[in-house]
Amino acid sequence: MKVYNFEIEGNHNYYVSEKGILVHNNCEYTTEFIKGFYVRGMTTMENGVYNRTVQGLANYEGKSLFELVKAFENQAINAGMDKVVIKGVDIVETRLMNPRAAEMMGYSYKELSTNSIELIKFLK
C-alpha cells in the first residue's frame, strides 16, 4: 500500500484503500501492513513500556485480531520491553476482542468507549 503525506483542508479525516480505512492526516501516525492488517497508528517505547495506539484498522478476510496482538507483543519482546499497552481508538473491530479473549492471551482488558479498548500485559 502506498502512503502519501498530504493535507486536506477543512475536515482532516478521509478514507483510504479498498478497505475504507478512516485516517486523519497527522504526521505522528503511520500506516503499516502487519499480519494481514492495515494498521494506522503510533508506536512509542519509553521506560520499558511498548505503547501501540491503533487509530485505523482493516483486515483481509480470515485474519484474526489475535495474530495482530501477538505481532505487537513480539515487537515489544524483541525491543526488550517489560510491558505492552495496546489501545484501539475508534475502531469497529473492538468486537473481535473481548475480556475473555484478552484474558486467554494474558492481557487485561479495559473498554475506553463504545469503539475503543485498551489491552495491557506485563512481559517480565
Protein backbone atom coordinates (compact mmCIF):
# COMPACT_ATOMS: atom_id res chain seq x y z
CA MET A 1 0.00 0.00 0.00
CA LYS A 2 1.42 3.38 -0.99
CA VAL A 3 1.02 6.08 1.62
CA TYR A 4 1.09 9.77 0.75
CA ASN A 5 1.53 12.67 3.11
CA PHE A 6 -0.85 15.46 2.14
CA GLU A 7 -3.16 17.86 3.93
CA ILE A 8 -6.92 18.03 3.48
CA GLU A 9 -8.40 21.47 4.07
CA GLY A 10 -11.37 21.58 6.44
CA ASN A 11 -12.20 18.11 7.75
CA HIS A 12 -8.88 16.28 8.06
CA ASN A 13 -10.46 12.79 8.11
CA TYR A 14 -10.67 10.71 4.95
CA TYR A 15 -10.86 7.10 3.79
CA VAL A 16 -8.01 5.19 2.10
CA SER A 17 -7.67 1.83 0.30
CA GLU A 18 -10.30 -0.58 -0.89
CA LYS A 19 -10.88 -1.46 2.79
CA GLY A 20 -12.01 2.10 3.56
CA ILE A 21 -9.60 2.84 6.41
CA LEU A 22 -10.58 6.10 8.09
CA VAL A 23 -7.48 8.22 8.69
CA HIS A 24 -6.62 11.66 9.97
CA ASN A 25 -3.61 13.38 8.48
CA ASN A 26 -1.24 13.66 11.40
CA CYS A 27 2.50 13.16 10.93
CA GLU A 28 2.83 11.21 14.18
CA TYR A 29 0.78 8.32 12.79
CA THR A 30 1.96 5.76 10.26
CA THR A 31 0.19 3.09 8.21
CA GLU A 32 1.69 -0.40 8.14
CA PHE A 33 0.67 -3.80 6.81
CA ILE A 34 1.10 -6.33 9.64
CA LYS A 35 -0.15 -9.94 9.70
CA GLY A 36 -2.86 -9.26 7.12
CA PHE A 37 -3.99 -5.97 8.67
CA TYR A 38 -3.62 -2.38 7.52
CA VAL A 39 -2.81 -0.63 10.79
CA ARG A 40 -2.84 3.14 11.20
CA GLY A 41 -1.38 4.27 14.47
CA MET A 42 1.62 5.21 16.52
CA THR A 43 4.22 3.26 18.50
CA THR A 44 6.29 4.64 21.34
CA MET A 45 8.77 2.85 23.59
CA GLU A 46 9.74 4.52 26.82
CA ASN A 47 10.79 3.35 30.29
CA GLY A 48 10.32 -0.31 29.36
CA VAL A 49 6.77 0.20 28.08
CA TYR A 50 5.77 -0.57 24.48
CA ASN A 51 2.76 1.66 23.68
CA ARG A 52 0.87 0.94 20.46
CA THR A 53 -2.10 3.17 19.64
CA VAL A 54 -4.20 1.94 16.74
CA GLN A 55 -6.48 4.53 15.19
CA GLY A 56 -7.42 2.79 11.95
CA LEU A 57 -7.67 -0.93 11.29
CA ALA A 58 -8.76 -3.04 8.34
CA ASN A 59 -8.07 -6.69 7.64
CA TYR A 60 -8.24 -9.24 4.89
CA GLU A 61 -10.90 -11.93 5.28
CA GLY A 62 -9.97 -14.66 7.72
CA LYS A 63 -7.28 -12.69 9.52
CA SER A 64 -7.51 -12.80 13.30
CA LEU A 65 -7.03 -9.84 15.60
CA PHE A 66 -5.18 -12.27 17.88
CA GLU A 67 -2.41 -12.53 15.25
CA LEU A 68 -2.04 -8.75 15.23
CA VAL A 69 -1.91 -8.51 19.04
CA LYS A 70 0.72 -11.28 19.09
CA ALA A 71 2.75 -9.40 16.43
CA PHE A 72 2.72 -6.25 18.60
CA GLU A 73 3.76 -8.35 21.60
CA ASN A 74 6.66 -9.85 19.64
CA GLN A 75 7.81 -6.36 18.63
CA ALA A 76 7.83 -5.38 22.31
CA ILE A 77 9.74 -8.52 23.33
CA ASN A 78 12.31 -8.01 20.55
CA ALA A 79 12.81 -4.43 21.75
CA GLY A 80 13.41 -5.65 25.33
CA MET A 81 10.29 -4.01 26.76
CA ASP A 82 8.75 -5.00 30.13
CA LYS A 83 5.13 -4.14 29.37
CA VAL A 84 2.80 -3.93 26.36
CA VAL A 85 -0.04 -1.38 26.18
CA ILE A 86 -2.24 -1.59 23.09
CA LYS A 87 -5.00 0.96 22.60
CA GLY A 88 -7.57 0.62 19.85
CA VAL A 89 -9.13 4.04 19.43
CA ASP A 90 -12.40 4.42 17.49
CA ILE A 91 -12.09 1.06 15.72
CA VAL A 92 -15.08 -1.08 14.80
CA GLU A 93 -13.05 -4.27 15.23
CA THR A 94 -13.17 -4.00 19.04
CA ARG A 95 -15.98 -6.55 18.80
CA LEU A 96 -13.33 -9.11 17.79
CA MET A 97 -11.64 -8.76 21.17
CA ASN A 98 -13.48 -9.21 24.45
CA PRO A 99 -12.45 -9.57 28.10
CA ARG A 100 -12.36 -13.39 27.96
CA ALA A 101 -10.27 -13.50 24.76
CA ALA A 102 -7.86 -10.92 26.19
CA GLU A 103 -7.54 -12.93 29.41
CA MET A 104 -6.76 -16.10 27.43
CA MET A 105 -3.88 -14.20 25.79
CA GLY A 106 -2.63 -12.94 29.16
CA TYR A 107 -3.89 -9.36 28.77
CA SER A 108 -6.06 -7.19 30.96
CA TYR A 109 -8.97 -5.66 29.03
CA LYS A 110 -10.46 -2.22 29.52
CA GLU A 111 -13.25 -0.66 27.47
CA LEU A 112 -12.43 3.02 26.98
CA SER A 113 -15.59 3.81 24.99
CA THR A 114 -18.04 2.03 22.68
CA ASN A 115 -15.39 1.59 19.97
CA SER A 116 -12.16 1.93 21.96
CA ILE A 117 -10.30 -0.63 24.07
CA GLU A 118 -7.03 -0.97 25.95
CA LEU A 119 -5.06 -4.20 26.41
CA ILE A 120 -2.18 -4.44 28.90
CA LYS A 121 0.30 -7.26 29.54
CA PHE A 122 3.42 -7.39 31.69
CA LEU A 123 6.18 -9.31 29.91
CA LYS A 124 8.67 -9.58 32.78
